Amino acid sequence: MSEYSIEKTKKYTLKLRELVLTLPPCCTDFFRGIELTTGIMTRYGYAVDLKTFFTYLLGTDICEGLESMRQIDYAVLEKIDSVCIECYLEYVSLYQPDEDSDELVINGERAKARKLSAIRALFKYLYKKERIKNNAPALVDTPKLHEKPIIRLEPDEMEKLLETVENGDGLTEKQRIYHQTNAIRDTAIITLFLGTGMRISELVGIDLDDLNFMSNEVRITRKGGNEEQIVFGSEVRQALLRYMLYREGMIAAEGHENALFLSLQKKRMSVRSVEVLVKKYARIAAPLKKISPHKLRSTYGTMLYRETGDIYLVADVLGHKDVNTTRKHYAAMSEDRRRLAAEVVKLRGENEPEDDPLPPHLDQGDE
């Protein structure tokens, strides 16, 4: 596990432990029980969503007389039915999470599906362990998820993006000052995204000793904590080698000595800083598209599928555990291949006329 992954695990483990202390006691057993089968980010996400659910529950008749989430016990959970959970999902469509703030939070279908997933996981565990006899969330339908159009860069936009990163054309005067310092680093980052399709969390977690230029491989930590070696091509190799020459002359801040990509503060770049970096250049190269690091990942997946037509290869390279996830994202590309297939098989060989006229009895001419 990389230094970044270790620090990330430590950070969110402590945050999870602190958060669990505010939740009903049953949640302590739940998070202990799923520790071996889930990642820390999944468990932390569950905790955040469960806190929202139990906060809502305190304001209902089910928790009448209770003043704290810590007072919610198994008897209270037994009172929860499917209608209660459906009311909760309607509530989180638009709600005020903090009484001291006027800010309202909007949750769409995906956010509500995620919140329902957390409740289902808790009740499923408690039901399995025979702590409760009622598994109400299992009776609630998952919110219908509408497919979003996949936004990706076309080849000419990819080229323009790389040129923008390299020469800084279109940047403001203030941005140009920083660009002179970061151009080589930023080029390496954008090239790595476009040339491998890795996730942003995988990129910021790369350490210096994860790179192997003998085999053109980089070791990354996938979602779930699995380490994997991915291969990069000559263009990525060239961009990384240029950055490595620059990186060798940098003195990293304490605790960040092994990080590959460093910020101006000489610390490991954060997910947020890389997101800002990508959007800054993408606004210039593709102003009509909202490009993020994930969109660069989609761009790579699209290009790879166009070139190979192998959905299993795309799934493997992108690190998708289920090929159906890949197929869902790149199914639209199959239409192009079906149109190509329609012209592959020739029925008349080379003698097929370009415009075969209609038979006389069908060719009635203009009315």
Protein backbone atom coordinates (compact mmCIF):
# COMPACT_ATOMS: atom_id res chain seq x y z
CA MET A 1 0.00 0.00 0.00
CA SER A 2 1.37 3.44 -0.95
CA GLU A 3 2.16 6.15 1.59
CA TYR A 4 -0.83 8.13 0.32
CA SER A 5 -3.19 5.18 0.79
CA ILE A 6 -1.87 4.55 4.29
CA GLU A 7 -2.34 8.19 5.32
CA LYS A 8 -5.78 8.28 3.72
CA THR A 9 -6.81 5.13 5.59
CA LYS A 10 -5.55 6.56 8.89
CA LYS A 11 -7.36 9.85 8.35
CA TYR A 12 -10.74 8.36 7.53
CA THR A 13 -10.49 5.61 10.12
CA LEU A 14 -10.16 8.27 12.82
CA LYS A 15 -13.00 10.30 11.29
CA LEU A 16 -15.19 7.18 11.17
CA ARG A 17 -14.50 6.30 14.79
CA GLU A 18 -15.39 9.83 15.86
CA LEU A 19 -18.60 9.80 13.82
CA VAL A 20 -19.70 6.35 15.07
CA LEU A 21 -19.65 7.67 18.64
CA THR A 22 -22.57 9.96 17.73
CA LEU A 23 -24.65 7.21 16.07
CA PRO A 24 -26.96 4.64 17.74
CA PRO A 25 -25.00 1.88 19.55
CA CYS A 26 -26.15 -0.71 16.99
CA CYS A 27 -23.97 1.03 14.39
CA THR A 28 -20.82 0.13 16.32
CA ASP A 29 -21.47 -3.58 15.73
CA PHE A 30 -22.43 -2.90 12.12
CA PHE A 31 -19.21 -1.12 11.19
CA ARG A 32 -17.11 -3.71 13.00
CA GLY A 33 -18.95 -6.48 11.16
CA ILE A 34 -18.41 -5.09 7.65
CA GLU A 35 -14.80 -4.00 8.14
CA LEU A 36 -13.33 -7.05 6.40
CA THR A 37 -15.58 -6.77 3.34
CA THR A 38 -15.61 -3.02 2.66
CA GLY A 39 -13.13 -0.19 2.16
CA ILE A 40 -12.71 2.66 4.60
CA MET A 41 -14.28 5.18 2.22
CA THR A 42 -17.37 2.99 1.83
CA ARG A 43 -17.76 2.68 5.61
CA TYR A 44 -17.23 6.40 6.13
CA GLY A 45 -19.81 7.18 3.44
CA TYR A 46 -22.28 4.85 5.16
CA ALA A 47 -21.68 6.63 8.47
CA VAL A 48 -22.33 10.08 6.98
CA ASP A 49 -25.55 8.91 5.33
CA LEU A 50 -26.75 7.04 8.43
CA LYS A 51 -26.24 10.16 10.52
CA THR A 52 -28.54 12.06 8.14
CA PHE A 53 -31.13 9.27 8.40
CA PHE A 54 -31.11 9.07 12.20
CA THR A 55 -31.19 12.85 12.51
CA TYR A 56 -34.38 12.81 10.40
CA LEU A 57 -35.76 9.92 12.47
CA LEU A 58 -35.39 11.90 15.71
CA GLY A 59 -37.92 14.38 14.39
CA THR A 60 -40.60 11.76 13.73
CA ASP A 61 -43.17 10.09 16.00
CA ILE A 62 -41.07 6.91 15.99
CA CYS A 63 -38.51 8.62 18.24
CA GLU A 64 -40.99 10.56 20.36
CA GLY A 65 -39.42 11.39 23.72
CA LEU A 66 -35.85 10.71 22.57
CA GLU A 67 -33.32 13.54 22.57
CA SER A 68 -30.26 11.89 21.11
CA MET A 69 -29.38 9.37 18.39
CA ARG A 70 -27.55 7.39 21.04
CA GLN A 71 -30.94 6.58 22.57
CA ILE A 72 -32.17 4.82 19.44
CA ASP A 73 -32.20 1.09 20.14
CA TYR A 74 -33.41 -2.10 18.45
CA ALA A 75 -36.98 -1.51 19.62
CA VAL A 76 -37.03 1.79 17.73
CA LEU A 77 -35.64 0.15 14.59
CA GLU A 78 -38.42 -2.44 14.72
CA LYS A 79 -40.95 0.39 14.36
CA ILE A 80 -39.47 1.57 11.06
CA ASP A 81 -41.50 0.50 8.02
CA SER A 82 -41.10 1.02 4.29
CA VAL A 83 -43.34 4.10 4.30
CA CYS A 84 -41.07 5.76 6.88
CA ILE A 85 -38.05 5.21 4.65
CA GLU A 86 -39.91 6.47 1.57
CA CYS A 87 -40.81 9.62 3.51
CA TYR A 88 -37.14 10.04 4.40
CA LEU A 89 -36.11 9.77 0.75
CA GLU A 90 -38.68 12.41 -0.14
CA TYR A 91 -37.34 14.60 2.69
CA VAL A 92 -33.74 14.51 1.47
CA SER A 93 -34.80 15.72 -1.96
CA LEU A 94 -34.55 19.20 -0.43
CA TYR A 95 -33.67 19.68 3.22
CA GLN A 96 -31.84 21.89 5.69
CA PRO A 97 -29.04 19.86 7.31
CA ASP A 98 -27.98 22.52 9.80
CA GLU A 99 -30.45 24.44 11.96
CA ASP A 100 -27.97 27.31 12.29
CA SER A 101 -27.71 27.74 8.53
CA ASP A 102 -30.22 28.69 5.84
CA GLU A 103 -28.42 26.52 3.28
CA LEU A 104 -30.56 23.87 1.61
CA VAL A 105 -29.21 20.59 0.25
CA ILE A 106 -30.61 19.02 -2.90
CA ASN A 107 -30.28 15.26 -3.48
CA GLY A 108 -30.95 13.76 -6.88
CA GLU A 109 -31.75 10.18 -7.75
CA ARG A 110 -28.17 8.94 -7.38
CA ALA A 111 -27.66 10.58 -4.01
CA LYS A 112 -30.95 9.14 -2.74
CA ALA A 113 -30.01 5.70 -4.04
CA ARG A 114 -26.74 5.94 -2.13
CA LYS A 115 -28.52 6.96 1.07
CA LEU A 116 -30.94 4.06 0.70
CA SER A 117 -27.99 1.72 0.17
CA ALA A 118 -26.51 2.72 3.55
CA ILE A 119 -29.80 2.04 5.35
CA ARG A 120 -30.20 -1.28 3.54
CA ALA A 121 -26.69 -2.37 4.52
CA LEU A 122 -27.33 -1.61 8.20
CA PHE A 123 -30.70 -3.38 8.35
CA LYS A 124 -29.43 -6.34 6.33
CA TYR A 125 -26.58 -6.84 8.78
CA LEU A 126 -28.78 -6.51 11.88
CA TYR A 127 -31.43 -8.81 10.35
CA LYS A 128 -28.77 -11.39 9.48
CA LYS A 129 -27.42 -11.29 13.04
CA GLU A 130 -31.01 -11.68 14.34
CA ARG A 131 -30.88 -8.38 16.21
CA ILE A 132 -34.08 -7.26 14.47
CA LYS A 133 -36.99 -9.11 12.87
CA ASN A 134 -38.00 -6.30 10.52
CA ASN A 135 -36.03 -5.51 7.36
CA ALA A 136 -38.10 -2.60 6.01
CA PRO A 137 -35.48 -1.15 3.58
CA ALA A 138 -35.61 -4.38 1.56
CA LEU A 139 -39.22 -3.46 0.66
CA VAL A 140 -38.31 -0.02 -0.71
CA ASP A 141 -37.67 0.34 -4.43
CA THR A 142 -34.36 1.81 -5.53
CA PRO A 143 -34.81 5.24 -7.15
CA LYS A 144 -34.80 5.00 -10.93
CA LEU A 145 -31.45 6.15 -12.28
CA HIS A 146 -31.55 7.98 -15.60
CA GLU A 147 -28.50 7.60 -17.77
CA LYS A 148 -26.42 10.72 -18.26
CA PRO A 149 -24.83 11.48 -21.62
CA ILE A 150 -21.13 10.68 -21.52
CA ILE A 151 -19.02 13.80 -22.03
CA ARG A 152 -15.65 13.16 -23.61
CA LEU A 153 -13.06 14.91 -25.71
CA GLU A 154 -12.73 14.35 -29.43
CA PRO A 155 -9.23 13.78 -30.88
CA ASP A 156 -8.82 17.40 -31.99
CA GLU A 157 -9.90 18.61 -28.53
CA MET A 158 -7.38 16.26 -26.89
CA GLU A 159 -4.62 17.73 -29.03
CA LYS A 160 -5.70 21.29 -28.25
CA LEU A 161 -5.84 20.50 -24.52
CA LEU A 162 -2.27 19.21 -24.53
CA GLU A 163 -1.09 22.21 -26.53
CA THR A 164 -2.82 24.55 -24.07
CA VAL A 165 -1.13 22.87 -21.12
CA GLU A 166 2.28 23.05 -22.81
CA ASN A 167 2.22 26.63 -24.12
CA GLY A 168 -0.31 28.32 -21.81
CA ASP A 169 -2.21 30.03 -24.63
CA GLY A 170 -5.50 31.47 -23.36
CA LEU A 171 -4.46 31.72 -19.72
CA THR A 172 -4.75 35.00 -17.83
CA GLU A 173 -1.64 36.98 -16.97
CA LYS A 174 -1.81 35.77 -13.37
CA GLN A 175 -2.24 32.16 -14.46
CA ARG A 176 0.74 32.48 -16.81
CA ILE A 177 3.02 33.31 -13.87
CA TYR A 178 2.26 29.96 -12.25
CA HIS A 179 2.17 28.19 -15.60
CA GLN A 180 5.85 28.86 -16.19
CA THR A 181 6.59 26.87 -13.04
CA ASN A 182 4.03 24.10 -13.45
CA ALA A 183 3.86 23.50 -17.21
CA ILE A 184 6.00 20.35 -17.17
CA ARG A 185 4.14 18.91 -14.17
CA ASP A 186 0.72 19.75 -15.57
CA THR A 187 1.60 18.24 -18.95
CA ALA A 188 2.63 15.01 -17.23
CA ILE A 189 -0.64 14.90 -15.27
CA ILE A 190 -2.92 15.53 -18.28
CA THR A 191 -0.93 13.08 -20.44
CA LEU A 192 -1.16 10.43 -17.71
CA PHE A 193 -4.94 10.84 -17.54
CA LEU A 194 -5.41 10.70 -21.31
CA GLY A 195 -2.88 7.91 -21.81
CA THR A 196 -3.98 5.49 -19.09
CA GLY A 197 -7.53 6.36 -18.02
CA MET A 198 -6.62 6.17 -14.34
CA ARG A 199 -8.83 7.68 -11.64
CA ILE A 200 -7.86 10.94 -9.96
CA SER A 201 -7.45 9.17 -6.60
CA GLU A 202 -5.06 6.74 -8.26
CA LEU A 203 -3.02 9.54 -9.81
CA VAL A 204 -2.53 11.66 -6.69
CA GLY A 205 -1.53 8.53 -4.76
CA ILE A 206 1.44 7.67 -7.01
CA ASP A 207 4.82 7.62 -5.25
CA LEU A 208 8.22 8.01 -6.88
CA ASP A 209 9.05 4.34 -6.38
CA ASP A 210 5.81 3.31 -8.10
CA LEU A 211 7.27 4.21 -11.50
CA ASN A 212 9.22 1.65 -13.54
CA PHE A 213 10.62 3.10 -16.76
CA MET A 214 12.30 -0.20 -17.66
CA SER A 215 8.92 -1.81 -18.24
CA ASN A 216 6.86 1.38 -18.73
CA GLU A 217 4.64 0.54 -15.77
CA VAL A 218 3.22 2.44 -12.83
CA ARG A 219 1.83 0.90 -9.66
CA ILE A 220 -1.48 2.34 -8.52
CA THR A 221 -3.97 1.61 -5.76
CA ARG A 222 -7.41 0.88 -7.16
CA LYS A 223 -10.76 1.47 -5.47
CA GLY A 224 -11.03 -1.02 -2.63
CA GLY A 225 -7.30 -0.90 -1.90
CA ASN A 226 -6.03 -3.40 -4.48
CA GLU A 227 -2.64 -2.58 -6.00
CA GLU A 228 -2.18 -2.98 -9.73
CA GLN A 229 0.51 -2.38 -12.34
CA ILE A 230 -0.70 -0.51 -15.41
CA VAL A 231 1.33 -0.03 -18.58
CA PHE A 232 1.80 3.37 -20.24
CA GLY A 233 2.81 4.22 -23.78
CA SER A 234 5.66 6.21 -25.28
CA GLU A 235 3.92 9.60 -25.08
CA VAL A 236 3.20 9.15 -21.38
CA ARG A 237 6.75 7.91 -20.82
CA GLN A 238 8.21 11.01 -22.47
CA ALA A 239 6.03 13.38 -20.42
CA LEU A 240 6.87 11.56 -17.17
CA LEU A 241 10.61 11.52 -17.90
CA ARG A 242 10.58 15.28 -18.51
CA TYR A 243 8.78 15.81 -15.23
CA MET A 244 11.14 13.46 -13.37
CA LEU A 245 14.11 15.60 -14.40
CA TYR A 246 12.27 18.59 -12.94
CA ARG A 247 11.07 16.66 -9.89
CA GLU A 248 14.61 15.60 -8.93
CA GLY A 249 15.51 19.23 -8.28
CA MET A 250 12.57 19.81 -5.91
CA ILE A 251 12.82 19.57 -2.14
CA ALA A 252 9.57 18.15 -0.85
CA ALA A 253 7.99 19.17 2.43
CA GLU A 254 8.42 16.83 5.36
CA GLY A 255 6.23 13.77 5.01
CA HIS A 256 5.81 14.26 1.25
CA GLU A 257 9.27 13.22 0.08
CA ASN A 258 8.06 10.19 -1.88
CA ALA A 259 5.05 11.83 -3.56
CA LEU A 260 5.32 12.02 -7.35
CA PHE A 261 3.28 15.14 -8.02
CA LEU A 262 3.93 18.09 -5.73
CA SER A 263 2.05 21.37 -5.31
CA LEU A 264 3.65 24.81 -5.11
CA GLN A 265 3.86 24.21 -1.36
CA LYS A 266 5.98 21.12 -2.14
CA LYS A 267 3.31 18.82 -0.73
CA ARG A 268 1.49 15.94 -2.40
CA MET A 269 -1.17 17.33 -4.70
CA SER A 270 -4.73 16.86 -3.46
CA VAL A 271 -7.70 15.60 -5.46
CA ARG A 272 -9.18 19.09 -5.36
CA SER A 273 -6.05 20.79 -6.71
CA VAL A 274 -5.86 18.37 -9.65
CA GLU A 275 -9.56 18.94 -10.41
CA VAL A 276 -8.97 22.70 -10.53
CA LEU A 277 -5.91 22.19 -12.73
CA VAL A 278 -7.81 20.11 -15.29
CA LYS A 279 -10.79 22.46 -15.44
CA LYS A 280 -8.50 25.49 -15.90
CA TYR A 281 -7.03 24.14 -19.13
CA ALA A 282 -10.20 22.39 -20.33
CA ARG A 283 -12.19 25.66 -20.30
CA ILE A 284 -9.82 26.93 -22.97
CA ALA A 285 -9.49 23.75 -25.06
CA ALA A 286 -13.17 22.72 -24.94
CA PRO A 287 -15.21 25.68 -23.68
CA LEU A 288 -18.58 24.08 -24.45
CA LYS A 289 -17.88 20.95 -22.38
CA LYS A 290 -17.53 20.56 -18.62
CA ILE A 291 -14.35 18.51 -18.51
CA SER A 292 -13.14 16.95 -15.27
CA PRO A 293 -10.50 14.28 -14.57
CA HIS A 294 -13.24 11.65 -14.82
CA LYS A 295 -14.16 12.95 -18.28
CA LEU A 296 -10.53 12.44 -19.32
CA ARG A 297 -10.88 8.86 -18.08
CA SER A 298 -14.01 8.49 -20.23
CA THR A 299 -12.10 9.93 -23.17
CA TYR A 300 -9.41 7.28 -22.83
CA GLY A 301 -11.98 4.49 -22.50
CA THR A 302 -13.79 5.71 -25.61
CA MET A 303 -10.63 5.92 -27.69
CA LEU A 304 -9.51 2.47 -26.57
CA TYR A 305 -12.89 0.94 -27.41
CA ARG A 306 -12.98 2.66 -30.80
CA GLU A 307 -9.58 1.24 -31.67
CA THR A 308 -10.04 -2.29 -30.33
CA GLY A 309 -13.78 -2.97 -30.05
CA ASP A 310 -12.86 -5.14 -27.06
CA ILE A 311 -15.12 -4.23 -24.13
CA TYR A 312 -13.34 -6.73 -21.86
CA LEU A 313 -9.98 -5.10 -22.53
CA VAL A 314 -11.44 -1.68 -21.73
CA ALA A 315 -12.93 -3.03 -18.48
CA ASP A 316 -9.60 -4.56 -17.48
CA VAL A 317 -7.54 -1.47 -18.23
CA LEU A 318 -9.98 0.88 -16.48
CA GLY A 319 -10.16 -1.39 -13.44
CA HIS A 320 -13.88 -2.11 -13.63
CA LYS A 321 -14.79 -5.17 -11.53
CA ASP A 322 -17.92 -5.78 -13.58
CA VAL A 323 -17.81 -5.60 -17.37
CA ASN A 324 -21.47 -4.49 -17.33
CA THR A 325 -20.28 -1.21 -15.81
CA THR A 326 -18.02 -0.73 -18.81
CA ARG A 327 -20.69 -1.79 -21.27
CA LYS A 328 -23.15 0.69 -19.75
CA HIS A 329 -20.72 3.58 -20.26
CA TYR A 330 -19.56 2.66 -23.73
CA ALA A 331 -22.64 0.99 -25.21
CA ALA A 332 -23.24 4.05 -27.41
CA MET A 333 -20.01 3.27 -29.22
CA SER A 334 -21.49 -0.04 -30.37
CA GLU A 335 -23.78 1.88 -32.71
CA ASP A 336 -20.75 3.05 -34.70
CA ARG A 337 -19.53 -0.53 -35.02
CA ARG A 338 -22.97 -1.78 -36.07
CA ARG A 339 -23.04 0.82 -38.84
CA LEU A 340 -19.58 -0.32 -39.93
CA ALA A 341 -20.73 -3.93 -39.92
CA ALA A 342 -23.64 -3.04 -42.21
CA GLU A 343 -21.19 -2.15 -44.98
CA VAL A 344 -18.66 -4.95 -44.45
CA VAL A 345 -20.58 -7.78 -46.13
CA LYS A 346 -20.97 -7.19 -49.89
CA LEU A 347 -23.87 -8.96 -51.56
CA ARG A 348 -22.87 -8.31 -55.16
CA GLY A 349 -19.11 -8.16 -54.89
CA GLU A 350 -17.39 -5.34 -56.72
CA ASN A 351 -20.11 -5.06 -59.40
CA GLU A 352 -22.75 -3.59 -57.11
CA PRO A 353 -24.16 -0.41 -58.74
CA GLU A 354 -23.91 2.77 -56.72
CA ASP A 355 -27.55 3.78 -57.36
CA ASP A 356 -29.68 0.88 -58.51
CA PRO A 357 -32.87 2.34 -60.10
CA LEU A 358 -36.26 1.19 -58.86
CA PRO A 359 -38.19 -1.36 -60.97
CA PRO A 360 -40.55 0.36 -63.46
CA HIS A 361 -43.69 -0.61 -61.56
CA LEU A 362 -42.33 1.05 -58.40
CA ASP A 363 -40.85 4.10 -60.02
CA GLN A 364 -43.95 6.25 -60.46
CA GLY A 365 -42.07 9.51 -60.80
CA ASP A 366 -43.23 12.76 -59.27
CA GLU A 367 -46.91 13.22 -58.56
